[in-house]
Amino acid sequence: NNNATTTTTTTTTTTTTTKMASLVELPVAFCRSIPHMLVATFRFFLLLAYFLVLGGSYRDCTLLGGTVHARVHVYSIALMFRIWRWDHYRNGTFQQDMQKNLRNVALPGSGVPLSLFCYFRLTALFYVFCIYPFVCVIAAVVRRHKEGGGCIAEFYREQLLTPTDWFSLWVLNCRLASYHANVTESRDYEMENKWTFLQAAERKGIAVSPWLSDMGEIVVKDKNEEGGMGIHFFKSATHGGDWVIQQRLHNSEKVAGMLPPDAPLSTIRVITGSRLAHEECAVAARVDAHTHEAKGEAEAETEAGGARDSTVSPIVVFSNVFRAGRAGANTDHSSILFDIDAQTGTLKSGTTNEHWYCLGLRCLASPLYSTHDTLAHPDTEQRLSGLHLADMEPVHDLVRDAHAKLIPHVAMAGWDVALTPSGPLLLEVNLSCNFFRGSFDMDEYISFVHACFCFLEAIEQRPRRNAPPTKEALKKAS
């Protein structure tokens, strides 16, 4: 024991010494990196101008030496301004969806909600051209200090052109979803509506959380309030209302044993992608916006599957994360995010992204970053890393089946899977999906998004069936 303690103390001292030395060398290292950071900044602005100002082709772009990740990232930023006023499948326009989605998100340490930059194109441009490069500088310096060494210029270039942090990937997924929904006009995006999703899933025989169908309207009263206060009325979606009324689900015995007694229902977030979303069958809904009604859903699915090799699954699973809920929380949005080994179902190390949700002065007490170094649940001190959570094959079969049957033409989806006493159940699907800091094959993911962007650009160049005739066509007709 004494030897182990001595070894631990020595390791800690060495790490601290290394970081102190790194901190002393930081100003010199930063100055040496400035020329290389300027080059990276120029390349970023050059590529952004190519897409944003010149309207350059994504598929034909050869800038930056053909770096696919950089092309995907910068194109998605330029795309944001192009689809600014486009319809959004969930919230009015894409701009309105950004305002709503980012109202509780702030860059760590800033305390300022990012939605403030989404009210006008001008403020968004200011963020992209001025704040974003500055944030990348800060991120590079912090990373060098955290790792005790490394090249600041290289860290800056990675964060600016090829970021892999959860937030950059989340907003990339959001832009892809909105762009894809508009170009393909697929009705599959209607599944973002929780009630539509539950009904469709039940018709398809997919295991989802049950709802109370015999409840037309309920009244909820506070047991101590008087004078008409503390009373709430909810009309069920089954009778034309806006509320899906369900009994509360509970964690399975195995999952409950990993959590505090008062922890919420804790789910697995699984991210899937559909290869059908960047193949010819994905435009079936654009050719006829009512394909699923006119031809029947079974026939439409047959057409969708007929264009590809039936031996290869069109649905790919990217990542798996267990959200271990915190004590006293109502939902697992307050949780520790444990990566899951997709093959064994074993929990890896955990982390959190709560420092991205600290607004106002709360940010002063929040860390600037977090790493995958959590091994135990902080409320119970029980070690979760290394424990077997579940057999992932049934979970993957469930989400693959749901993606293929319900939203085959949606590029990516995030599924919330609850492990209940009666088995795995789907709670909902999120089409602007968040990886929740799960690990996955980055090259496969970037290649997937790249294929989607190439496909969508090609589709945009085709005339719509019901589009008004062009001037050239009218001149020929006359």
Foldseek 3Di string as FASTA:
>chain_A
DVVVVVVVVVVVVVLVVLLVVLVVCLVVLLVVLVVLLVVLLVLLVVLLCCCQVVVHDLVPDCGPNPPLLLSLLSNLLSLCVVQLQPQALPAGGLLRVLLVVQQQFAQFLPQDGPSVQSPDPVSSVCCLNPVQLVVLLVQLSVVCSVVSHDRSSVSSSCSSRRDDDQVSVLSSLSSLQRLLCVLLVAPLSNQQQQVVVVVLCVVVVFFAADFDLPDQKDKAADPPDDDPPRIDIFGDVSNVTRDGHHDAFDAAPLLCVQAPVQFEQKWKKWKKFFQLQLDPLLNPCLQPVPCCPPVNLVVSLCVSPPVDDPVDQRMDIFFIWIQHGHHPDHDSLHGWIWGADLQQQATAATKADCSRRRHDPSSVVGDSDIDRPHQGGPVVRHGRHGDRDDNNPVVVVSVSSSCSRRPNNQGMKIWIWGQGNVGIHTHGIDSSDTNRPYDGDPVVVSVSSSSNSNSSSVSVPDDGPPDDDDPVVVVVVD
